[in-house]
Amino acid sequence: MNAEIIQEFTFEAGHFLPAVPEGHPCQRIHGHSYRVEVHVLGPIDPVTGWVLDFHDLEAAVQPVIDQLDHRMLNEVPGLPNPTAECIGAWIWHRLQPVLPGLTSIVVWETATARAVIRG
């Protein structure tokens, strides 16, 4: 039997979107309180009773989140156009090699707007 576990992380960061049309409000520097969900799917281990220890999941994800926290995202290598979609893909590429079973990354830019990245 498989189960999907989900753990949330948060970070604060500034950015601007260089590819939007002239006059678009996101062209100006602004910031967000981002929320990131990391979803991992796998079999439930019959001994431990879990897919993955949440402590181990956090140990894999937090260093990646720390690279974004309190940063100007446009200055982070690989994020010249830091949309929610691009941030999610950036996180995906760093976590996929170390988290077998990674199914999706959800990046919440605001309380009502999010992007879902699947491999």
N, C-alpha and C. Protein backbone atom coordinates (compact mmCIF):
# COMPACT_ATOMS: atom_id res chain seq x y z
N MET A 1 0.84 -1.18 0.00
CA MET A 1 0.00 0.00 0.00
C MET A 1 0.89 1.25 0.00
N ASN A 2 0.52 2.23 -0.81
CA ASN A 2 1.25 3.49 -0.89
C ASN A 2 0.53 4.58 -0.11
N ALA A 3 1.30 5.56 0.30
CA ALA A 3 0.76 6.76 0.94
C ALA A 3 1.57 7.95 0.45
N GLU A 4 0.92 9.10 0.45
CA GLU A 4 1.62 10.34 0.10
C GLU A 4 1.75 11.18 1.36
N ILE A 5 2.97 11.59 1.65
CA ILE A 5 3.18 12.50 2.77
C ILE A 5 3.48 13.88 2.23
N ILE A 6 3.10 14.88 3.02
CA ILE A 6 3.26 16.27 2.61
C ILE A 6 3.81 17.05 3.79
N GLN A 7 4.85 17.81 3.54
CA GLN A 7 5.38 18.69 4.59
C GLN A 7 5.49 20.10 4.02
N GLU A 8 5.15 21.08 4.87
CA GLU A 8 5.18 22.48 4.44
C GLU A 8 6.40 23.19 5.01
N PHE A 9 6.88 24.15 4.22
CA PHE A 9 8.01 25.00 4.59
C PHE A 9 7.65 26.43 4.21
N THR A 10 8.27 27.39 4.84
CA THR A 10 8.02 28.80 4.51
C THR A 10 9.34 29.53 4.34
N PHE A 11 9.27 30.59 3.55
CA PHE A 11 10.41 31.50 3.45
C PHE A 11 9.91 32.86 3.01
N GLU A 12 10.68 33.86 3.33
CA GLU A 12 10.40 35.25 2.96
C GLU A 12 11.43 35.66 1.92
N ALA A 13 10.97 36.33 0.87
CA ALA A 13 11.92 36.75 -0.16
C ALA A 13 11.35 37.88 -1.00
N GLY A 14 12.26 38.62 -1.62
CA GLY A 14 11.89 39.66 -2.57
C GLY A 14 12.19 39.19 -3.98
N HIS A 15 11.53 39.83 -4.94
CA HIS A 15 11.81 39.53 -6.35
C HIS A 15 11.14 40.58 -7.22
N PHE A 16 11.44 40.49 -8.50
CA PHE A 16 10.71 41.23 -9.52
C PHE A 16 10.69 40.32 -10.75
N LEU A 17 9.73 40.56 -11.62
CA LEU A 17 9.59 39.72 -12.81
C LEU A 17 9.99 40.52 -14.04
N PRO A 18 11.18 40.22 -14.58
CA PRO A 18 11.69 41.02 -15.70
C PRO A 18 10.99 40.77 -17.04
N ALA A 19 10.23 39.69 -17.16
CA ALA A 19 9.64 39.35 -18.45
C ALA A 19 8.20 39.82 -18.62
N VAL A 20 7.64 40.49 -17.60
CA VAL A 20 6.26 40.96 -17.72
C VAL A 20 6.21 42.24 -18.57
N PRO A 21 5.03 42.57 -19.11
CA PRO A 21 4.92 43.79 -19.93
C PRO A 21 5.25 45.05 -19.13
N GLU A 22 5.72 46.05 -19.83
CA GLU A 22 6.02 47.35 -19.23
C GLU A 22 4.80 47.86 -18.48
N GLY A 23 5.01 48.32 -17.26
CA GLY A 23 3.94 48.85 -16.44
C GLY A 23 3.26 47.82 -15.55
N HIS A 24 3.56 46.55 -15.73
CA HIS A 24 2.96 45.50 -14.88
C HIS A 24 3.48 45.68 -13.46
N PRO A 25 2.62 45.58 -12.44
CA PRO A 25 3.08 45.82 -11.06
C PRO A 25 4.17 44.86 -10.60
N CYS A 26 4.22 43.65 -11.15
CA CYS A 26 5.25 42.69 -10.72
C CYS A 26 6.63 42.99 -11.31
N GLN A 27 6.68 44.01 -12.17
CA GLN A 27 7.97 44.45 -12.70
C GLN A 27 8.77 45.19 -11.62
N ARG A 28 8.05 45.71 -10.63
CA ARG A 28 8.71 46.42 -9.53
C ARG A 28 9.13 45.43 -8.45
N ILE A 29 10.16 45.79 -7.71
CA ILE A 29 10.62 44.94 -6.61
C ILE A 29 9.53 44.88 -5.54
N HIS A 30 9.24 43.66 -5.12
CA HIS A 30 8.25 43.43 -4.06
C HIS A 30 8.58 42.10 -3.39
N GLY A 31 7.87 41.74 -2.36
CA GLY A 31 8.18 40.52 -1.64
C GLY A 31 6.95 39.69 -1.32
N HIS A 32 7.22 38.46 -0.91
CA HIS A 32 6.16 37.52 -0.56
C HIS A 32 6.58 36.71 0.66
N SER A 33 5.58 36.22 1.36
CA SER A 33 5.77 35.19 2.37
C SER A 33 5.38 33.88 1.69
N TYR A 34 6.36 33.17 1.17
CA TYR A 34 6.11 31.97 0.39
C TYR A 34 5.84 30.78 1.31
N ARG A 35 4.99 29.88 0.82
CA ARG A 35 4.77 28.60 1.47
C ARG A 35 5.04 27.52 0.42
N VAL A 36 5.78 26.51 0.80
CA VAL A 36 6.13 25.44 -0.12
C VAL A 36 5.67 24.10 0.47
N GLU A 37 4.95 23.33 -0.31
CA GLU A 37 4.57 21.97 0.07
C GLU A 37 5.44 21.00 -0.72
N VAL A 38 5.98 20.01 -0.03
CA VAL A 38 6.75 18.95 -0.69
C VAL A 38 5.96 17.65 -0.51
N HIS A 39 5.61 17.01 -1.63
CA HIS A 39 4.81 15.79 -1.63
C HIS A 39 5.69 14.60 -2.02
N VAL A 40 5.65 13.55 -1.21
CA VAL A 40 6.42 12.33 -1.48
C VAL A 40 5.49 11.14 -1.38
N LEU A 41 5.50 10.29 -2.39
CA LEU A 41 4.65 9.10 -2.46
C LEU A 41 5.53 7.86 -2.37
N GLY A 42 5.06 6.89 -1.60
CA GLY A 42 5.81 5.65 -1.52
C GLY A 42 5.07 4.61 -0.70
N PRO A 43 5.65 3.42 -0.65
CA PRO A 43 5.02 2.36 0.13
C PRO A 43 5.18 2.63 1.63
N ILE A 44 4.18 2.21 2.37
CA ILE A 44 4.27 2.32 3.83
C ILE A 44 5.16 1.18 4.32
N ASP A 45 6.26 1.53 4.96
CA ASP A 45 7.17 0.51 5.48
C ASP A 45 6.46 -0.29 6.57
N PRO A 46 6.47 -1.63 6.46
CA PRO A 46 5.75 -2.43 7.45
C PRO A 46 6.34 -2.38 8.85
N VAL A 47 7.60 -2.01 8.97
CA VAL A 47 8.24 -1.94 10.28
C VAL A 47 8.04 -0.56 10.92
N THR A 48 8.38 0.51 10.17
CA THR A 48 8.30 1.86 10.75
C THR A 48 6.89 2.43 10.69
N GLY A 49 6.11 1.99 9.71
CA GLY A 49 4.76 2.52 9.54
C GLY A 49 4.70 3.82 8.77
N TRP A 50 5.80 4.23 8.16
CA TRP A 50 5.80 5.49 7.42
C TRP A 50 6.42 5.33 6.03
N VAL A 51 6.15 6.29 5.17
CA VAL A 51 6.77 6.36 3.85
C VAL A 51 8.19 6.86 4.00
N LEU A 52 8.34 7.90 4.78
CA LEU A 52 9.63 8.55 5.03
C LEU A 52 9.49 9.30 6.35
N ASP A 53 10.50 9.24 7.16
CA ASP A 53 10.49 9.98 8.42
C ASP A 53 10.41 11.47 8.10
N PHE A 54 9.44 12.18 8.69
CA PHE A 54 9.33 13.62 8.45
C PHE A 54 10.62 14.36 8.82
N HIS A 55 11.34 13.85 9.80
CA HIS A 55 12.62 14.46 10.18
C HIS A 55 13.61 14.36 9.00
N ASP A 56 13.64 13.22 8.33
CA ASP A 56 14.53 13.05 7.18
C ASP A 56 14.08 13.91 6.01
N LEU A 57 12.77 14.04 5.84
CA LEU A 57 12.26 14.91 4.78
C LEU A 57 12.69 16.35 5.04
N GLU A 58 12.52 16.80 6.26
CA GLU A 58 12.93 18.16 6.60
C GLU A 58 14.43 18.37 6.41
N ALA A 59 15.22 17.37 6.78
CA ALA A 59 16.68 17.47 6.62
C ALA A 59 17.07 17.61 5.15
N ALA A 60 16.30 17.02 4.25
CA ALA A 60 16.59 17.13 2.82
C ALA A 60 16.13 18.46 2.25
N VAL A 61 14.99 18.96 2.72
CA VAL A 61 14.37 20.14 2.11
C VAL A 61 14.90 21.45 2.70
N GLN A 62 15.10 21.52 3.99
CA GLN A 62 15.43 22.80 4.64
C GLN A 62 16.67 23.49 4.05
N PRO A 63 17.75 22.75 3.72
CA PRO A 63 18.90 23.44 3.11
C PRO A 63 18.56 24.12 1.78
N VAL A 64 17.62 23.56 1.03
CA VAL A 64 17.20 24.17 -0.23
C VAL A 64 16.39 25.43 0.06
N ILE A 65 15.48 25.35 1.02
CA ILE A 65 14.67 26.51 1.41
C ILE A 65 15.58 27.62 1.93
N ASP A 66 16.61 27.25 2.69
CA ASP A 66 17.53 28.23 3.24
C ASP A 66 18.26 29.03 2.16
N GLN A 67 18.41 28.45 0.97
CA GLN A 67 19.04 29.17 -0.15
C GLN A 67 18.15 30.28 -0.70
N LEU A 68 16.85 30.23 -0.35
CA LEU A 68 15.88 31.22 -0.85
C LEU A 68 15.46 32.23 0.21
N ASP A 69 15.53 31.83 1.47
CA ASP A 69 14.99 32.64 2.55
C ASP A 69 15.73 33.97 2.72
N HIS A 70 14.97 35.04 2.80
CA HIS A 70 15.49 36.40 2.96
C HIS A 70 16.52 36.75 1.89
N ARG A 71 16.21 36.38 0.67
CA ARG A 71 17.06 36.68 -0.49
C ARG A 71 16.27 37.50 -1.50
N MET A 72 17.02 38.12 -2.36
CA MET A 72 16.46 38.70 -3.58
C MET A 72 16.52 37.58 -4.60
N LEU A 73 15.39 36.98 -4.92
CA LEU A 73 15.37 35.75 -5.70
C LEU A 73 16.01 35.90 -7.06
N ASN A 74 15.93 37.07 -7.67
CA ASN A 74 16.55 37.29 -8.98
C ASN A 74 18.07 37.11 -8.92
N GLU A 75 18.65 37.21 -7.73
CA GLU A 75 20.09 37.06 -7.56
C GLU A 75 20.51 35.63 -7.25
N VAL A 76 19.55 34.74 -7.02
CA VAL A 76 19.85 33.33 -6.75
C VAL A 76 20.21 32.66 -8.08
N PRO A 77 21.37 32.01 -8.16
CA PRO A 77 21.75 31.36 -9.42
C PRO A 77 20.65 30.39 -9.89
N GLY A 78 20.27 30.57 -11.15
CA GLY A 78 19.23 29.73 -11.73
C GLY A 78 17.83 30.29 -11.63
N LEU A 79 17.66 31.48 -11.03
CA LEU A 79 16.34 32.08 -10.88
C LEU A 79 16.29 33.52 -11.41
N PRO A 80 16.67 33.74 -12.66
CA PRO A 80 16.63 35.11 -13.16
C PRO A 80 15.21 35.65 -13.34
N ASN A 81 14.24 34.76 -13.49
CA ASN A 81 12.83 35.15 -13.65
C ASN A 81 12.01 34.36 -12.62
N PRO A 82 12.05 34.75 -11.35
CA PRO A 82 11.51 33.93 -10.27
C PRO A 82 9.99 33.98 -10.09
N THR A 83 9.30 33.43 -11.07
CA THR A 83 7.85 33.23 -10.93
C THR A 83 7.64 32.06 -9.97
N ALA A 84 6.43 31.88 -9.50
CA ALA A 84 6.13 30.74 -8.63
C ALA A 84 6.46 29.43 -9.36
N GLU A 85 6.16 29.38 -10.65
CA GLU A 85 6.44 28.18 -11.43
C GLU A 85 7.95 27.91 -11.50
N CYS A 86 8.72 28.95 -11.76
CA CYS A 86 10.18 28.78 -11.86
C CYS A 86 10.80 28.44 -10.51
N ILE A 87 10.28 29.02 -9.44
CA ILE A 87 10.77 28.68 -8.10
C ILE A 87 10.49 27.21 -7.81
N GLY A 88 9.28 26.74 -8.14
CA GLY A 88 8.95 25.34 -7.93
C GLY A 88 9.85 24.40 -8.72
N ALA A 89 10.11 24.74 -9.98
CA ALA A 89 11.00 23.91 -10.80
C ALA A 89 12.42 23.92 -10.24
N TRP A 90 12.87 25.07 -9.76
CA TRP A 90 14.20 25.20 -9.16
C TRP A 90 14.31 24.29 -7.94
N ILE A 91 13.30 24.29 -7.10
CA ILE A 91 13.28 23.43 -5.92
C ILE A 91 13.24 21.96 -6.35
N TRP A 92 12.38 21.65 -7.32
CA TRP A 92 12.25 20.27 -7.81
C TRP A 92 13.61 19.71 -8.23
N HIS A 93 14.34 20.46 -9.04
CA HIS A 93 15.62 19.97 -9.57
C HIS A 93 16.63 19.70 -8.46
N ARG A 94 16.52 20.36 -7.34
CA ARG A 94 17.44 20.14 -6.22
C ARG A 94 16.99 18.99 -5.32
N LEU A 95 15.69 18.75 -5.25
CA LEU A 95 15.19 17.70 -4.36
C LEU A 95 15.00 16.35 -5.04
N GLN A 96 14.68 16.34 -6.30
CA GLN A 96 14.37 15.08 -6.99
C GLN A 96 15.50 14.05 -6.84
N PRO A 97 16.77 14.43 -6.94
CA PRO A 97 17.83 13.40 -6.79
C PRO A 97 17.93 12.81 -5.38
N VAL A 98 17.47 13.52 -4.37
CA VAL A 98 17.64 13.05 -2.99
C VAL A 98 16.33 12.58 -2.35
N LEU A 99 15.21 12.74 -3.04
CA LEU A 99 13.91 12.32 -2.49
C LEU A 99 13.20 11.39 -3.46
N PRO A 100 13.54 10.10 -3.43
CA PRO A 100 12.79 9.17 -4.26
C PRO A 100 11.31 9.25 -3.89
N GLY A 101 10.45 9.23 -4.87
CA GLY A 101 9.03 9.32 -4.60
C GLY A 101 8.49 10.74 -4.62
N LEU A 102 9.34 11.72 -4.87
CA LEU A 102 8.87 13.10 -4.97
C LEU A 102 7.82 13.18 -6.08
N THR A 103 6.62 13.66 -5.72
CA THR A 103 5.55 13.73 -6.72
C THR A 103 5.22 15.15 -7.13
N SER A 104 5.34 16.10 -6.19
CA SER A 104 5.05 17.48 -6.56
C SER A 104 5.62 18.45 -5.56
N ILE A 105 5.82 19.66 -6.06
CA ILE A 105 6.21 20.81 -5.26
C ILE A 105 5.11 21.84 -5.49
N VAL A 106 4.55 22.37 -4.42
CA VAL A 106 3.54 23.41 -4.53
C VAL A 106 4.12 24.69 -3.92
N VAL A 107 4.16 25.75 -4.71
CA VAL A 107 4.68 27.03 -4.23
C VAL A 107 3.51 27.99 -4.12
N TRP A 108 3.21 28.39 -2.90
CA TRP A 108 2.17 29.39 -2.62
C TRP A 108 2.84 30.75 -2.58
N GLU A 109 2.47 31.62 -3.52
CA GLU A 109 3.02 32.97 -3.55
C GLU A 109 2.19 33.90 -2.66
N THR A 110 0.90 33.65 -2.61
CA THR A 110 0.01 34.39 -1.72
C THR A 110 -0.95 33.36 -1.12
N ALA A 111 -1.85 33.83 -0.27
CA ALA A 111 -2.82 32.92 0.36
C ALA A 111 -3.77 32.30 -0.66
N THR A 112 -3.88 32.89 -1.84
CA THR A 112 -4.84 32.40 -2.83
C THR A 112 -4.23 32.02 -4.16
N ALA A 113 -2.92 32.13 -4.32
CA ALA A 113 -2.27 31.87 -5.61
C ALA A 113 -1.09 30.92 -5.43
N ARG A 114 -1.09 29.83 -6.22
CA ARG A 114 -0.05 28.84 -6.08
C ARG A 114 0.25 28.20 -7.44
N ALA A 115 1.42 27.59 -7.54
CA ALA A 115 1.81 26.82 -8.71
C ALA A 115 2.19 25.42 -8.25
N VAL A 116 1.78 24.43 -9.02
CA VAL A 116 2.08 23.03 -8.72
C VAL A 116 3.04 22.52 -9.79
N ILE A 117 4.16 21.95 -9.33
CA ILE A 117 5.17 21.40 -10.23
C ILE A 117 5.18 19.89 -10.04
N ARG A 118 5.11 19.17 -11.15
CA ARG A 118 5.20 17.72 -11.13
C ARG A 118 6.29 17.30 -12.10
N GLY A 119 7.00 16.25 -11.74
CA GLY A 119 8.12 15.80 -12.57
C GLY A 119 7.70 15.09 -13.82
